[in-house]
Amino acid sequence: MAIAHKDAGLFDSEAQTVPQPPGFAYVA
């Protein structure tokens, strides 16, 4: 799983830390 993810345009402190399947965060 992706145990942390950060989108471009955000600061590192704004990363998501709830584990999710890898890659899903890039889907619109």
mmCIF file of all heavy atoms, coordinates in Angstrom:
data_MODEL
# 
_entry.id   MODEL 
# 
loop_
_atom_site.group_PDB 
_atom_site.id 
_atom_site.type_symbol 
_atom_site.label_atom_id 
_atom_site.label_alt_id 
_atom_site.label_comp_id 
_atom_site.label_asym_id 
_atom_site.label_entity_id 
_atom_site.label_seq_id 
_atom_site.pdbx_PDB_ins_code 
_atom_site.Cartn_x 
_atom_site.Cartn_y 
_atom_site.Cartn_z 
_atom_site.occupancy 
_atom_site.B_iso_or_equiv 
_atom_site.pdbx_formal_charge 
_atom_site.auth_seq_id 
_atom_site.auth_comp_id 
_atom_site.auth_asym_id 
_atom_site.auth_atom_id 
_atom_site.pdbx_PDB_model_num 
ATOM 1   N N   . MET A 1 1  ? 0.836   -1.206 0.000   1.00 0.00 ? 1  MET A N   1 
ATOM 2   C CA  . MET A 1 1  ? 0.000   0.000  0.000   1.00 0.00 ? 1  MET A CA  1 
ATOM 3   C C   . MET A 1 1  ? 0.872   1.259  0.000   1.00 0.00 ? 1  MET A C   1 
ATOM 4   O O   . MET A 1 1  ? 2.041   1.227  0.383   1.00 0.00 ? 1  MET A O   1 
ATOM 5   C CB  . MET A 1 1  ? -0.888  0.020  1.238   1.00 0.00 ? 1  MET A CB  1 
ATOM 6   C CG  . MET A 1 1  ? -1.787  -1.190 1.405   1.00 0.00 ? 1  MET A CG  1 
ATOM 7   S SD  . MET A 1 1  ? -3.362  -1.010 0.554   1.00 0.00 ? 1  MET A SD  1 
ATOM 8   C CE  . MET A 1 1  ? -4.280  -0.066 1.771   1.00 0.00 ? 1  MET A CE  1 
ATOM 9   N N   . ALA A 1 2  ? 0.270   2.352  -0.412  1.00 0.00 ? 2  ALA A N   1 
ATOM 10  C CA  . ALA A 1 2  ? 0.895   3.666  -0.257  1.00 0.00 ? 2  ALA A CA  1 
ATOM 11  C C   . ALA A 1 2  ? 0.546   4.146  1.142   1.00 0.00 ? 2  ALA A C   1 
ATOM 12  O O   . ALA A 1 2  ? -0.590  4.526  1.412   1.00 0.00 ? 2  ALA A O   1 
ATOM 13  C CB  . ALA A 1 2  ? 0.368   4.639  -1.305  1.00 0.00 ? 2  ALA A CB  1 
ATOM 14  N N   . ILE A 1 3  ? 1.523   4.094  2.056   1.00 0.00 ? 3  ILE A N   1 
ATOM 15  C CA  . ILE A 1 3  ? 1.236   4.480  3.430   1.00 0.00 ? 3  ILE A CA  1 
ATOM 16  C C   . ILE A 1 3  ? 1.338   5.997  3.616   1.00 0.00 ? 3  ILE A C   1 
ATOM 17  O O   . ILE A 1 3  ? 1.031   6.510  4.689   1.00 0.00 ? 3  ILE A O   1 
ATOM 18  C CB  . ILE A 1 3  ? 2.150   3.748  4.422   1.00 0.00 ? 3  ILE A CB  1 
ATOM 19  C CG1 . ILE A 1 3  ? 3.616   4.058  4.166   1.00 0.00 ? 3  ILE A CG1 1 
ATOM 20  C CG2 . ILE A 1 3  ? 1.905   2.249  4.360   1.00 0.00 ? 3  ILE A CG2 1 
ATOM 21  C CD1 . ILE A 1 3  ? 4.555   3.456  5.216   1.00 0.00 ? 3  ILE A CD1 1 
ATOM 22  N N   . ALA A 1 4  ? 1.771   6.704  2.584   1.00 0.00 ? 4  ALA A N   1 
ATOM 23  C CA  . ALA A 1 4  ? 1.747   8.166  2.587   1.00 0.00 ? 4  ALA A CA  1 
ATOM 24  C C   . ALA A 1 4  ? 1.759   8.640  1.139   1.00 0.00 ? 4  ALA A C   1 
ATOM 25  O O   . ALA A 1 4  ? 2.379   8.013  0.277   1.00 0.00 ? 4  ALA A O   1 
ATOM 26  C CB  . ALA A 1 4  ? 2.929   8.752  3.351   1.00 0.00 ? 4  ALA A CB  1 
ATOM 27  N N   . HIS A 1 5  ? 1.052   9.729  0.869   1.00 0.00 ? 5  HIS A N   1 
ATOM 28  C CA  . HIS A 1 5  ? 1.004   10.288 -0.492  1.00 0.00 ? 5  HIS A CA  1 
ATOM 29  C C   . HIS A 1 5  ? 0.868   11.801 -0.391  1.00 0.00 ? 5  HIS A C   1 
ATOM 30  O O   . HIS A 1 5  ? 0.137   12.326 0.458   1.00 0.00 ? 5  HIS A O   1 
ATOM 31  C CB  . HIS A 1 5  ? -0.180  9.735  -1.276  1.00 0.00 ? 5  HIS A CB  1 
ATOM 32  C CG  . HIS A 1 5  ? -0.460  10.503 -2.533  1.00 0.00 ? 5  HIS A CG  1 
ATOM 33  N ND1 . HIS A 1 5  ? 0.263   10.298 -3.697  1.00 0.00 ? 5  HIS A ND1 1 
ATOM 34  C CD2 . HIS A 1 5  ? -1.340  11.511 -2.803  1.00 0.00 ? 5  HIS A CD2 1 
ATOM 35  C CE1 . HIS A 1 5  ? -0.178  11.132 -4.625  1.00 0.00 ? 5  HIS A CE1 1 
ATOM 36  N NE2 . HIS A 1 5  ? -1.145  11.876 -4.106  1.00 0.00 ? 5  HIS A NE2 1 
ATOM 37  N N   . LYS A 1 6  ? 1.578   12.506 -1.269  1.00 0.00 ? 6  LYS A N   1 
ATOM 38  C CA  . LYS A 1 6  ? 1.430   13.957 -1.369  1.00 0.00 ? 6  LYS A CA  1 
ATOM 39  C C   . LYS A 1 6  ? 1.268   14.353 -2.823  1.00 0.00 ? 6  LYS A C   1 
ATOM 40  O O   . LYS A 1 6  ? 2.011   13.897 -3.693  1.00 0.00 ? 6  LYS A O   1 
ATOM 41  C CB  . LYS A 1 6  ? 2.641   14.694 -0.792  1.00 0.00 ? 6  LYS A CB  1 
ATOM 42  C CG  . LYS A 1 6  ? 2.428   16.211 -0.744  1.00 0.00 ? 6  LYS A CG  1 
ATOM 43  C CD  . LYS A 1 6  ? 3.703   16.954 -0.443  1.00 0.00 ? 6  LYS A CD  1 
ATOM 44  C CE  . LYS A 1 6  ? 4.600   17.083 -1.648  1.00 0.00 ? 6  LYS A CE  1 
ATOM 45  N NZ  . LYS A 1 6  ? 4.056   18.025 -2.665  1.00 0.00 ? 6  LYS A NZ  1 
ATOM 46  N N   . ASP A 1 7  ? 0.286   15.193 -3.089  1.00 0.00 ? 7  ASP A N   1 
ATOM 47  C CA  . ASP A 1 7  ? 0.074   15.709 -4.439  1.00 0.00 ? 7  ASP A CA  1 
ATOM 48  C C   . ASP A 1 7  ? 1.002   16.884 -4.718  1.00 0.00 ? 7  ASP A C   1 
ATOM 49  O O   . ASP A 1 7  ? 1.415   17.603 -3.795  1.00 0.00 ? 7  ASP A O   1 
ATOM 50  C CB  . ASP A 1 7  ? -1.378  16.190 -4.606  1.00 0.00 ? 7  ASP A CB  1 
ATOM 51  C CG  . ASP A 1 7  ? -2.360  15.037 -4.667  1.00 0.00 ? 7  ASP A CG  1 
ATOM 52  O OD1 . ASP A 1 7  ? -2.037  14.014 -5.280  1.00 0.00 ? 7  ASP A OD1 1 
ATOM 53  O OD2 . ASP A 1 7  ? -3.451  15.166 -4.084  1.00 0.00 ? 7  ASP A OD2 1 
ATOM 54  N N   . ALA A 1 8  ? 1.314   17.101 -5.966  1.00 0.00 ? 8  ALA A N   1 
ATOM 55  C CA  . ALA A 1 8  ? 2.013   18.324 -6.363  1.00 0.00 ? 8  ALA A CA  1 
ATOM 56  C C   . ALA A 1 8  ? 1.117   19.501 -6.022  1.00 0.00 ? 8  ALA A C   1 
ATOM 57  O O   . ALA A 1 8  ? -0.113  19.410 -6.053  1.00 0.00 ? 8  ALA A O   1 
ATOM 58  C CB  . ALA A 1 8  ? 2.312   18.292 -7.860  1.00 0.00 ? 8  ALA A CB  1 
ATOM 59  N N   . GLY A 1 9  ? 1.732   20.624 -5.673  1.00 0.00 ? 9  GLY A N   1 
ATOM 60  C CA  . GLY A 1 9  ? 0.950   21.797 -5.293  1.00 0.00 ? 9  GLY A CA  1 
ATOM 61  C C   . GLY A 1 9  ? 0.634   21.855 -3.813  1.00 0.00 ? 9  GLY A C   1 
ATOM 62  O O   . GLY A 1 9  ? -0.025  22.784 -3.354  1.00 0.00 ? 9  GLY A O   1 
ATOM 63  N N   . LEU A 1 10 ? 1.111   20.857 -3.043  1.00 0.00 ? 10 LEU A N   1 
ATOM 64  C CA  . LEU A 1 10 ? 0.913   20.829 -1.599  1.00 0.00 ? 10 LEU A CA  1 
ATOM 65  C C   . LEU A 1 10 ? 2.266   20.796 -0.897  1.00 0.00 ? 10 LEU A C   1 
ATOM 66  O O   . LEU A 1 10 ? 3.268   20.382 -1.473  1.00 0.00 ? 10 LEU A O   1 
ATOM 67  C CB  . LEU A 1 10 ? 0.107   19.602 -1.181  1.00 0.00 ? 10 LEU A CB  1 
ATOM 68  C CG  . LEU A 1 10 ? -1.319  19.480 -1.708  1.00 0.00 ? 10 LEU A CG  1 
ATOM 69  C CD1 . LEU A 1 10 ? -1.963  18.191 -1.197  1.00 0.00 ? 10 LEU A CD1 1 
ATOM 70  C CD2 . LEU A 1 10 ? -2.161  20.688 -1.318  1.00 0.00 ? 10 LEU A CD2 1 
ATOM 71  N N   . PHE A 1 11 ? 2.280   21.236 0.352   1.00 0.00 ? 11 PHE A N   1 
ATOM 72  C CA  . PHE A 1 11 ? 3.484   21.138 1.169   1.00 0.00 ? 11 PHE A CA  1 
ATOM 73  C C   . PHE A 1 11 ? 3.586   19.720 1.735   1.00 0.00 ? 11 PHE A C   1 
ATOM 74  O O   . PHE A 1 11 ? 2.584   19.005 1.852   1.00 0.00 ? 11 PHE A O   1 
ATOM 75  C CB  . PHE A 1 11 ? 3.449   22.144 2.321   1.00 0.00 ? 11 PHE A CB  1 
ATOM 76  C CG  . PHE A 1 11 ? 3.359   23.581 1.874   1.00 0.00 ? 11 PHE A CG  1 
ATOM 77  C CD1 . PHE A 1 11 ? 2.359   24.414 2.353   1.00 0.00 ? 11 PHE A CD1 1 
ATOM 78  C CD2 . PHE A 1 11 ? 4.285   24.091 0.971   1.00 0.00 ? 11 PHE A CD2 1 
ATOM 79  C CE1 . PHE A 1 11 ? 2.280   25.735 1.954   1.00 0.00 ? 11 PHE A CE1 1 
ATOM 80  C CE2 . PHE A 1 11 ? 4.208   25.418 0.559   1.00 0.00 ? 11 PHE A CE2 1 
ATOM 81  C CZ  . PHE A 1 11 ? 3.198   26.238 1.043   1.00 0.00 ? 11 PHE A CZ  1 
ATOM 82  N N   . ASP A 1 12 ? 4.786   19.299 2.107   1.00 0.00 ? 12 ASP A N   1 
ATOM 83  C CA  . ASP A 1 12 ? 4.972   17.961 2.669   1.00 0.00 ? 12 ASP A CA  1 
ATOM 84  C C   . ASP A 1 12 ? 4.111   17.756 3.914   1.00 0.00 ? 12 ASP A C   1 
ATOM 85  O O   . ASP A 1 12 ? 3.667   16.636 4.194   1.00 0.00 ? 12 ASP A O   1 
ATOM 86  C CB  . ASP A 1 12 ? 6.441   17.734 3.024   1.00 0.00 ? 12 ASP A CB  1 
ATOM 87  C CG  . ASP A 1 12 ? 7.289   17.451 1.793   1.00 0.00 ? 12 ASP A CG  1 
ATOM 88  O OD1 . ASP A 1 12 ? 6.725   17.342 0.691   1.00 0.00 ? 12 ASP A OD1 1 
ATOM 89  O OD2 . ASP A 1 12 ? 8.527   17.355 1.929   1.00 0.00 ? 12 ASP A OD2 1 
ATOM 90  N N   . SER A 1 13 ? 3.892   18.814 4.680   1.00 0.00 ? 13 SER A N   1 
ATOM 91  C CA  . SER A 1 13 ? 3.080   18.705 5.891   1.00 0.00 ? 13 SER A CA  1 
ATOM 92  C C   . SER A 1 13 ? 1.626   18.381 5.594   1.00 0.00 ? 13 SER A C   1 
ATOM 93  O O   . SER A 1 13 ? 0.865   18.017 6.493   1.00 0.00 ? 13 SER A O   1 
ATOM 94  C CB  . SER A 1 13 ? 3.157   20.016 6.697   1.00 0.00 ? 13 SER A CB  1 
ATOM 95  O OG  . SER A 1 13 ? 2.673   21.103 5.922   1.00 0.00 ? 13 SER A OG  1 
ATOM 96  N N   . GLU A 1 14 ? 1.216   18.506 4.330   1.00 0.00 ? 14 GLU A N   1 
ATOM 97  C CA  . GLU A 1 14 ? -0.163  18.239 3.944   1.00 0.00 ? 14 GLU A CA  1 
ATOM 98  C C   . GLU A 1 14 ? -0.338  16.844 3.341   1.00 0.00 ? 14 GLU A C   1 
ATOM 99  O O   . GLU A 1 14 ? -1.377  16.544 2.762   1.00 0.00 ? 14 GLU A O   1 
ATOM 100 C CB  . GLU A 1 14 ? -0.633  19.292 2.940   1.00 0.00 ? 14 GLU A CB  1 
ATOM 101 C CG  . GLU A 1 14 ? -0.605  20.709 3.471   1.00 0.00 ? 14 GLU A CG  1 
ATOM 102 C CD  . GLU A 1 14 ? -0.949  21.750 2.417   1.00 0.00 ? 14 GLU A CD  1 
ATOM 103 O OE1 . GLU A 1 14 ? -0.081  22.036 1.566   1.00 0.00 ? 14 GLU A OE1 1 
ATOM 104 O OE2 . GLU A 1 14 ? -2.081  22.262 2.435   1.00 0.00 ? 14 GLU A OE2 1 
ATOM 105 N N   . ALA A 1 15 ? 0.661   15.993 3.479   1.00 0.00 ? 15 ALA A N   1 
ATOM 106 C CA  . ALA A 1 15 ? 0.582   14.649 2.903   1.00 0.00 ? 15 ALA A CA  1 
ATOM 107 C C   . ALA A 1 15 ? -0.532  13.837 3.555   1.00 0.00 ? 15 ALA A C   1 
ATOM 108 O O   . ALA A 1 15 ? -0.856  14.006 4.737   1.00 0.00 ? 15 ALA A O   1 
ATOM 109 C CB  . ALA A 1 15 ? 1.917   13.926 3.083   1.00 0.00 ? 15 ALA A CB  1 
ATOM 110 N N   . GLN A 1 16 ? -1.115  12.938 2.759   1.00 0.00 ? 16 GLN A N   1 
ATOM 111 C CA  . GLN A 1 16 ? -2.109  12.002 3.269   1.00 0.00 ? 16 GLN A CA  1 
ATOM 112 C C   . GLN A 1 16 ? -1.365  10.824 3.902   1.00 0.00 ? 16 GLN A C   1 
ATOM 113 O O   . GLN A 1 16 ? -0.477  10.254 3.287   1.00 0.00 ? 16 GLN A O   1 
ATOM 114 C CB  . GLN A 1 16 ? -2.996  11.496 2.135   1.00 0.00 ? 16 GLN A CB  1 
ATOM 115 C CG  . GLN A 1 16 ? -3.707  12.586 1.347   1.00 0.00 ? 16 GLN A CG  1 
ATOM 116 C CD  . GLN A 1 16 ? -4.358  12.029 0.084   1.00 0.00 ? 16 GLN A CD  1 
ATOM 117 O OE1 . GLN A 1 16 ? -4.692  10.851 0.012   1.00 0.00 ? 16 GLN A OE1 1 
ATOM 118 N NE2 . GLN A 1 16 ? -4.530  12.882 -0.909  1.00 0.00 ? 16 GLN A NE2 1 
ATOM 119 N N   . THR A 1 17 ? -1.759  10.443 5.102   1.00 0.00 ? 17 THR A N   1 
ATOM 120 C CA  . THR A 1 17 ? -1.041  9.374  5.800   1.00 0.00 ? 17 THR A CA  1 
ATOM 121 C C   . THR A 1 17 ? -1.923  8.169  6.118   1.00 0.00 ? 17 THR A C   1 
ATOM 122 O O   . THR A 1 17 ? -1.489  7.264  6.816   1.00 0.00 ? 17 THR A O   1 
ATOM 123 C CB  . THR A 1 17 ? -0.425  9.910  7.101   1.00 0.00 ? 17 THR A CB  1 
ATOM 124 O OG1 . THR A 1 17 ? -1.450  10.506 7.911   1.00 0.00 ? 17 THR A OG1 1 
ATOM 125 C CG2 . THR A 1 17 ? 0.650   10.948 6.806   1.00 0.00 ? 17 THR A CG2 1 
ATOM 126 N N   . VAL A 1 18 ? -3.144  8.141  5.605   1.00 0.00 ? 18 VAL A N   1 
ATOM 127 C CA  . VAL A 1 18 ? -3.986  6.954  5.746   1.00 0.00 ? 18 VAL A CA  1 
ATOM 128 C C   . VAL A 1 18 ? -3.634  6.007  4.603   1.00 0.00 ? 18 VAL A C   1 
ATOM 129 O O   . VAL A 1 18 ? -3.746  6.381  3.434   1.00 0.00 ? 18 VAL A O   1 
ATOM 130 C CB  . VAL A 1 18 ? -5.485  7.312  5.692   1.00 0.00 ? 18 VAL A CB  1 
ATOM 131 C CG1 . VAL A 1 18 ? -6.334  6.041  5.740   1.00 0.00 ? 18 VAL A CG1 1 
ATOM 132 C CG2 . VAL A 1 18 ? -5.852  8.247  6.831   1.00 0.00 ? 18 VAL A CG2 1 
ATOM 133 N N   . PRO A 1 19 ? -3.166  4.779  4.899   1.00 0.00 ? 19 PRO A N   1 
ATOM 134 C CA  . PRO A 1 19 ? -2.762  3.859  3.821   1.00 0.00 ? 19 PRO A CA  1 
ATOM 135 C C   . PRO A 1 19 ? -3.883  3.611  2.818   1.00 0.00 ? 19 PRO A C   1 
ATOM 136 O O   . PRO A 1 19 ? -5.042  3.427  3.209   1.00 0.00 ? 19 PRO A O   1 
ATOM 137 C CB  . PRO A 1 19 ? -2.404  2.575  4.585   1.00 0.00 ? 19 PRO A CB  1 
ATOM 138 C CG  . PRO A 1 19 ? -2.021  3.039  5.949   1.00 0.00 ? 19 PRO A CG  1 
ATOM 139 C CD  . PRO A 1 19 ? -2.930  4.193  6.244   1.00 0.00 ? 19 PRO A CD  1 
ATOM 140 N N   . GLN A 1 20 ? -3.518  3.633  1.535   1.00 0.00 ? 20 GLN A N   1 
ATOM 141 C CA  . GLN A 1 20 ? -4.474  3.392  0.451   1.00 0.00 ? 20 GLN A CA  1 
ATOM 142 C C   . GLN A 1 20 ? -3.781  2.597  -0.639  1.00 0.00 ? 20 GLN A C   1 
ATOM 143 O O   . GLN A 1 20 ? -2.548  2.560  -0.708  1.00 0.00 ? 20 GLN A O   1 
ATOM 144 C CB  . GLN A 1 20 ? -4.996  4.722  -0.113  1.00 0.00 ? 20 GLN A CB  1 
ATOM 145 C CG  . GLN A 1 20 ? -5.739  5.603  0.885   1.00 0.00 ? 20 GLN A CG  1 
ATOM 146 C CD  . GLN A 1 20 ? -7.054  5.005  1.377   1.00 0.00 ? 20 GLN A CD  1 
ATOM 147 O OE1 . GLN A 1 20 ? -7.530  4.009  0.821   1.00 0.00 ? 20 GLN A OE1 1 
ATOM 148 N NE2 . GLN A 1 20 ? -7.627  5.607  2.416   1.00 0.00 ? 20 GLN A NE2 1 
ATOM 149 N N   . PRO A 1 21 ? -4.538  1.954  -1.542  1.00 0.00 ? 21 PRO A N   1 
ATOM 150 C CA  . PRO A 1 21 ? -3.904  1.228  -2.652  1.00 0.00 ? 21 PRO A CA  1 
ATOM 151 C C   . PRO A 1 21 ? -3.032  2.166  -3.469  1.00 0.00 ? 21 PRO A C   1 
ATOM 152 O O   . PRO A 1 21 ? -3.381  3.333  -3.679  1.00 0.00 ? 21 PRO A O   1 
ATOM 153 C CB  . PRO A 1 21 ? -5.099  0.726  -3.473  1.00 0.00 ? 21 PRO A CB  1 
ATOM 154 C CG  . PRO A 1 21 ? -6.225  0.671  -2.506  1.00 0.00 ? 21 PRO A CG  1 
ATOM 155 C CD  . PRO A 1 21 ? -6.008  1.820  -1.564  1.00 0.00 ? 21 PRO A CD  1 
ATOM 156 N N   . PRO A 1 22 ? -1.876  1.709  -3.926  1.00 0.00 ? 22 PRO A N   1 
ATOM 157 C CA  . PRO A 1 22 ? -0.974  2.590  -4.674  1.00 0.00 ? 22 PRO A CA  1 
ATOM 158 C C   . PRO A 1 22 ? -1.608  3.062  -5.974  1.00 0.00 ? 22 PRO A C   1 
ATOM 159 O O   . PRO A 1 22 ? -2.294  2.302  -6.665  1.00 0.00 ? 22 PRO A O   1 
ATOM 160 C CB  . PRO A 1 22 ? 0.236   1.692  -4.947  1.00 0.00 ? 22 PRO A CB  1 
ATOM 161 C CG  . PRO A 1 22 ? -0.303  0.304  -4.901  1.00 0.00 ? 22 PRO A CG  1 
ATOM 162 C CD  . PRO A 1 22 ? -1.363  0.327  -3.844  1.00 0.00 ? 22 PRO A CD  1 
ATOM 163 N N   . GLY A 1 23 ? -1.384  4.325  -6.287  1.00 0.00 ? 23 GLY A N   1 
ATOM 164 C CA  . GLY A 1 23 ? -1.838  4.873  -7.555  1.00 0.00 ? 23 GLY A CA  1 
ATOM 165 C C   . GLY A 1 23 ? -3.228  5.458  -7.555  1.00 0.00 ? 23 GLY A C   1 
ATOM 166 O O   . GLY A 1 23 ? -3.562  6.281  -8.414  1.00 0.00 ? 23 GLY A O   1 
ATOM 167 N N   . PHE A 1 24 ? -4.076  5.068  -6.625  1.00 0.00 ? 24 PHE A N   1 
ATOM 168 C CA  . PHE A 1 24 ? -5.452  5.569  -6.625  1.00 0.00 ? 24 PHE A CA  1 
ATOM 169 C C   . PHE A 1 24 ? -5.509  7.076  -6.422  1.00 0.00 ? 24 PHE A C   1 
ATOM 170 O O   . PHE A 1 24 ? -6.436  7.739  -6.880  1.00 0.00 ? 24 PHE A O   1 
ATOM 171 C CB  . PHE A 1 24 ? -6.261  4.863  -5.539  1.00 0.00 ? 24 PHE A CB  1 
ATOM 172 C CG  . PHE A 1 24 ? -6.834  3.538  -5.957  1.00 0.00 ? 24 PHE A CG  1 
ATOM 173 C CD1 . PHE A 1 24 ? -6.020  2.543  -6.487  1.00 0.00 ? 24 PHE A CD1 1 
ATOM 174 C CD2 . PHE A 1 24 ? -8.187  3.276  -5.835  1.00 0.00 ? 24 PHE A CD2 1 
ATOM 175 C CE1 . PHE A 1 24 ? -6.538  1.322  -6.866  1.00 0.00 ? 24 PHE A CE1 1 
ATOM 176 C CE2 . PHE A 1 24 ? -8.731  2.054  -6.221  1.00 0.00 ? 24 PHE A CE2 1 
ATOM 177 C CZ  . PHE A 1 24 ? -7.897  1.062  -6.738  1.00 0.00 ? 24 PHE A CZ  1 
ATOM 178 N N   . ALA A 1 25 ? -4.524  7.617  -5.729  1.00 0.00 ? 25 ALA A N   1 
ATOM 179 C CA  . ALA A 1 25 ? -4.526  9.057  -5.467  1.00 0.00 ? 25 ALA A CA  1 
ATOM 180 C C   . ALA A 1 25 ? -4.331  9.876  -6.732  1.00 0.00 ? 25 ALA A C   1 
ATOM 181 O O   . ALA A 1 25 ? -4.612  11.082 -6.747  1.00 0.00 ? 25 ALA A O   1 
ATOM 182 C CB  . ALA A 1 25 ? -3.424  9.401  -4.460  1.00 0.00 ? 25 ALA A CB  1 
ATOM 183 N N   . TYR A 1 26 ? -3.858  9.239  -7.821  1.00 0.00 ? 26 TYR A N   1 
ATOM 184 C CA  . TYR A 1 26 ? -3.629  9.964  -9.071  1.00 0.00 ? 26 TYR A CA  1 
ATOM 185 C C   . TYR A 1 26 ? -4.848  9.935  -9.998  1.00 0.00 ? 26 TYR A C   1 
ATOM 186 O O   . TYR A 1 26 ? -4.831  10.551 -11.057 1.00 0.00 ? 26 TYR A O   1 
ATOM 187 C CB  . TYR A 1 26 ? -2.423  9.356  -9.802  1.00 0.00 ? 26 TYR A CB  1 
ATOM 188 C CG  . TYR A 1 26 ? -1.125  9.578  -9.072  1.00 0.00 ? 26 TYR A CG  1 
ATOM 189 C CD1 . TYR A 1 26 ? -0.656  8.646  -8.148  1.00 0.00 ? 26 TYR A CD1 1 
ATOM 190 C CD2 . TYR A 1 26 ? -0.375  10.730 -9.277  1.00 0.00 ? 26 TYR A CD2 1 
ATOM 191 C CE1 . TYR A 1 26 ? 0.522   8.851  -7.455  1.00 0.00 ? 26 TYR A CE1 1 
ATOM 192 C CE2 . TYR A 1 26 ? 0.812   10.945 -8.597  1.00 0.00 ? 26 TYR A CE2 1 
ATOM 193 C CZ  . TYR A 1 26 ? 1.252   10.002 -7.683  1.00 0.00 ? 26 TYR A CZ  1 
ATOM 194 O OH  . TYR A 1 26 ? 2.429   10.216 -6.996  1.00 0.00 ? 26 TYR A OH  1 
ATOM 195 N N   . VAL A 1 27 ? -5.882  9.207  -9.609  1.00 0.00 ? 27 VAL A N   1 
ATOM 196 C CA  . VAL A 1 27 ? -7.067  9.049  -10.454 1.00 0.00 ? 27 VAL A CA  1 
ATOM 197 C C   . VAL A 1 27 ? -8.033  10.202 -10.216 1.00 0.00 ? 27 VAL A C   1 
ATOM 198 O O   . VAL A 1 27 ? -8.283  10.593 -9.070  1.00 0.00 ? 27 VAL A O   1 
ATOM 199 C CB  . VAL A 1 27 ? -7.756  7.705  -10.162 1.00 0.00 ? 27 VAL A CB  1 
ATOM 200 C CG1 . VAL A 1 27 ? -9.015  7.552  -11.009 1.00 0.00 ? 27 VAL A CG1 1 
ATOM 201 C CG2 . VAL A 1 27 ? -6.788  6.549  -10.427 1.00 0.00 ? 27 VAL A CG2 1 
ATOM 202 N N   . ALA A 1 28 ? -8.580  10.741 -11.279 1.00 0.00 ? 28 ALA A N   1 
ATOM 203 C CA  . ALA A 1 28 ? -9.547  11.834 -11.178 1.00 0.00 ? 28 ALA A CA  1 
ATOM 204 C C   . ALA A 1 28 ? -10.914 11.287 -10.788 1.00 0.00 ? 28 ALA A C   1 
ATOM 205 O O   . ALA A 1 28 ? -11.240 10.125 -11.074 1.00 0.00 ? 28 ALA A O   1 
ATOM 206 C CB  . ALA A 1 28 ? -9.650  12.580 -12.506 1.00 0.00 ? 28 ALA A CB  1 
# 
